[in-house]
Amino acid sequence: MIDLGPHAVFIVSAYAGVTLAIAGLIGWTLFDARRTAKKLADLEARGIRRRSAGPA
């Protein structure tokens, strides 16, 4: 194992914190993308279209 010296606890906890933060951001992004896709599908099922879709 690598000798991190007297600051090993700080180094390991910093890496763990960054890893958790990035995992949280990825999870939140995936959750939000699914929620947005579901809202769009619901609106399209009700007949509401996006302006960029052009004429029906």
N, C-alpha and C. Protein backbone atom coordinates (compact mmCIF):
# COMPACT_ATOMS: atom_id res chain seq x y z
N MET A 1 0.85 -1.18 0.00
CA MET A 1 0.00 0.00 0.00
C MET A 1 0.89 1.24 0.00
N ILE A 2 0.36 2.32 -0.49
CA ILE A 2 1.11 3.56 -0.57
C ILE A 2 1.13 4.22 0.81
N ASP A 3 2.30 4.74 1.17
CA ASP A 3 2.42 5.46 2.44
C ASP A 3 2.02 6.91 2.22
N LEU A 4 0.90 7.32 2.81
CA LEU A 4 0.38 8.67 2.64
C LEU A 4 0.87 9.61 3.73
N GLY A 5 1.63 9.11 4.65
CA GLY A 5 2.19 9.95 5.69
C GLY A 5 1.17 10.30 6.76
N PRO A 6 1.45 11.37 7.48
CA PRO A 6 0.59 11.74 8.61
C PRO A 6 -0.77 12.31 8.19
N HIS A 7 -0.95 12.57 6.91
CA HIS A 7 -2.20 13.16 6.44
C HIS A 7 -3.09 12.14 5.74
N ALA A 8 -2.87 10.86 6.01
CA ALA A 8 -3.59 9.80 5.32
C ALA A 8 -5.09 9.89 5.55
N VAL A 9 -5.51 10.18 6.77
CA VAL A 9 -6.95 10.26 7.06
C VAL A 9 -7.59 11.38 6.25
N PHE A 10 -6.95 12.53 6.18
CA PHE A 10 -7.47 13.65 5.42
C PHE A 10 -7.55 13.30 3.93
N ILE A 11 -6.52 12.70 3.39
CA ILE A 11 -6.48 12.38 1.96
C ILE A 11 -7.57 11.38 1.60
N VAL A 12 -7.68 10.32 2.40
CA VAL A 12 -8.68 9.29 2.12
C VAL A 12 -10.10 9.86 2.27
N SER A 13 -10.33 10.65 3.30
CA SER A 13 -11.67 11.22 3.49
C SER A 13 -12.01 12.23 2.39
N ALA A 14 -11.03 12.96 1.90
CA ALA A 14 -11.27 13.90 0.80
C ALA A 14 -11.66 13.14 -0.47
N TYR A 15 -10.95 12.08 -0.77
CA TYR A 15 -11.31 11.27 -1.94
C TYR A 15 -12.68 10.64 -1.77
N ALA A 16 -12.99 10.15 -0.59
CA ALA A 16 -14.31 9.56 -0.33
C ALA A 16 -15.41 10.60 -0.47
N GLY A 17 -15.18 11.80 0.04
CA GLY A 17 -16.18 12.85 -0.07
C GLY A 17 -16.44 13.25 -1.51
N VAL A 18 -15.39 13.38 -2.29
CA VAL A 18 -15.54 13.73 -3.70
C VAL A 18 -16.26 12.61 -4.45
N THR A 19 -15.92 11.38 -4.14
CA THR A 19 -16.58 10.24 -4.78
C THR A 19 -18.07 10.23 -4.47
N LEU A 20 -18.43 10.47 -3.21
CA LEU A 20 -19.84 10.52 -2.84
C LEU A 20 -20.56 11.69 -3.51
N ALA A 21 -19.91 12.82 -3.59
CA ALA A 21 -20.53 13.99 -4.23
C ALA A 21 -20.78 13.73 -5.71
N ILE A 22 -19.82 13.16 -6.40
CA ILE A 22 -19.99 12.87 -7.82
C ILE A 22 -21.06 11.81 -8.03
N ALA A 23 -21.07 10.78 -7.19
CA ALA A 23 -22.11 9.75 -7.30
C ALA A 23 -23.49 10.36 -7.05
N GLY A 24 -23.59 11.28 -6.11
CA GLY A 24 -24.86 11.94 -5.84
C GLY A 24 -25.32 12.78 -7.02
N LEU A 25 -24.40 13.50 -7.65
CA LEU A 25 -24.75 14.30 -8.82
C LEU A 25 -25.19 13.43 -10.00
N ILE A 26 -24.51 12.32 -10.19
CA ILE A 26 -24.90 11.40 -11.26
C ILE A 26 -26.29 10.83 -10.99
N GLY A 27 -26.54 10.41 -9.74
CA GLY A 27 -27.85 9.88 -9.38
C GLY A 27 -28.94 10.90 -9.54
N TRP A 28 -28.70 12.13 -9.11
CA TRP A 28 -29.69 13.19 -9.24
C TRP A 28 -29.99 13.49 -10.71
N THR A 29 -28.95 13.50 -11.54
CA THR A 29 -29.13 13.75 -12.97
C THR A 29 -29.97 12.66 -13.62
N LEU A 30 -29.70 11.40 -13.30
CA LEU A 30 -30.49 10.30 -13.85
C LEU A 30 -31.94 10.37 -13.39
N PHE A 31 -32.15 10.67 -12.11
CA PHE A 31 -33.51 10.80 -11.58
C PHE A 31 -34.26 11.93 -12.27
N ASP A 32 -33.61 13.06 -12.44
CA ASP A 32 -34.25 14.22 -13.06
C ASP A 32 -34.54 13.96 -14.53
N ALA A 33 -33.65 13.25 -15.23
CA ALA A 33 -33.88 12.94 -16.65
C ALA A 33 -35.10 12.03 -16.80
N ARG A 34 -35.23 11.05 -15.93
CA ARG A 34 -36.39 10.16 -15.99
C ARG A 34 -37.67 10.91 -15.69
N ARG A 35 -37.62 11.79 -14.70
CA ARG A 35 -38.80 12.57 -14.32
C ARG A 35 -39.21 13.50 -15.47
N THR A 36 -38.26 14.14 -16.12
CA THR A 36 -38.55 15.02 -17.23
C THR A 36 -39.12 14.25 -18.42
N ALA A 37 -38.55 13.09 -18.72
CA ALA A 37 -39.05 12.27 -19.82
C ALA A 37 -40.49 11.83 -19.54
N LYS A 38 -40.78 11.49 -18.31
CA LYS A 38 -42.14 11.09 -17.93
C LYS A 38 -43.12 12.26 -18.09
N LYS A 39 -42.70 13.46 -17.69
CA LYS A 39 -43.56 14.63 -17.86
C LYS A 39 -43.82 14.92 -19.33
N LEU A 40 -42.78 14.83 -20.16
CA LEU A 40 -42.94 15.06 -21.59
C LEU A 40 -43.87 14.02 -22.22
N ALA A 41 -43.72 12.77 -21.84
CA ALA A 41 -44.59 11.72 -22.37
C ALA A 41 -46.04 11.96 -21.95
N ASP A 42 -46.25 12.41 -20.73
CA ASP A 42 -47.59 12.70 -20.25
C ASP A 42 -48.21 13.85 -21.03
N LEU A 43 -47.43 14.90 -21.27
CA LEU A 43 -47.94 16.04 -22.03
C LEU A 43 -48.26 15.64 -23.47
N GLU A 44 -47.40 14.85 -24.09
CA GLU A 44 -47.64 14.42 -25.46
C GLU A 44 -48.84 13.50 -25.54
N ALA A 45 -49.07 12.67 -24.52
CA ALA A 45 -50.25 11.80 -24.49
C ALA A 45 -51.52 12.62 -24.38
N ARG A 46 -51.46 13.78 -23.75
CA ARG A 46 -52.63 14.66 -23.63
C ARG A 46 -52.81 15.54 -24.87
N GLY A 47 -51.91 15.43 -25.83
CA GLY A 47 -52.04 16.17 -27.07
C GLY A 47 -51.28 17.47 -27.11
N ILE A 48 -50.51 17.76 -26.09
CA ILE A 48 -49.72 18.99 -26.06
C ILE A 48 -48.37 18.70 -26.71
N ARG A 49 -48.08 19.42 -27.78
CA ARG A 49 -46.83 19.20 -28.51
C ARG A 49 -45.87 20.35 -28.31
N ARG A 50 -44.61 20.08 -28.56
CA ARG A 50 -43.59 21.11 -28.49
C ARG A 50 -43.63 21.97 -29.75
N ARG A 51 -43.33 23.25 -29.60
CA ARG A 51 -43.33 24.14 -30.76
C ARG A 51 -42.30 23.70 -31.79
N SER A 52 -41.19 23.12 -31.33
CA SER A 52 -40.14 22.70 -32.25
C SER A 52 -40.54 21.47 -33.06
N ALA A 53 -41.65 20.81 -32.69
CA ALA A 53 -42.08 19.60 -33.40
C ALA A 53 -42.73 19.94 -34.73
N GLY A 54 -43.14 21.20 -34.93
CA GLY A 54 -43.76 21.60 -36.18
C GLY A 54 -45.26 21.34 -36.14
N PRO A 55 -45.91 21.59 -37.27
CA PRO A 55 -47.37 21.39 -37.30
C PRO A 55 -47.74 19.91 -37.19
N ALA A 56 -48.88 19.66 -36.57
CA ALA A 56 -49.33 18.28 -36.36
C ALA A 56 -49.86 17.65 -37.62
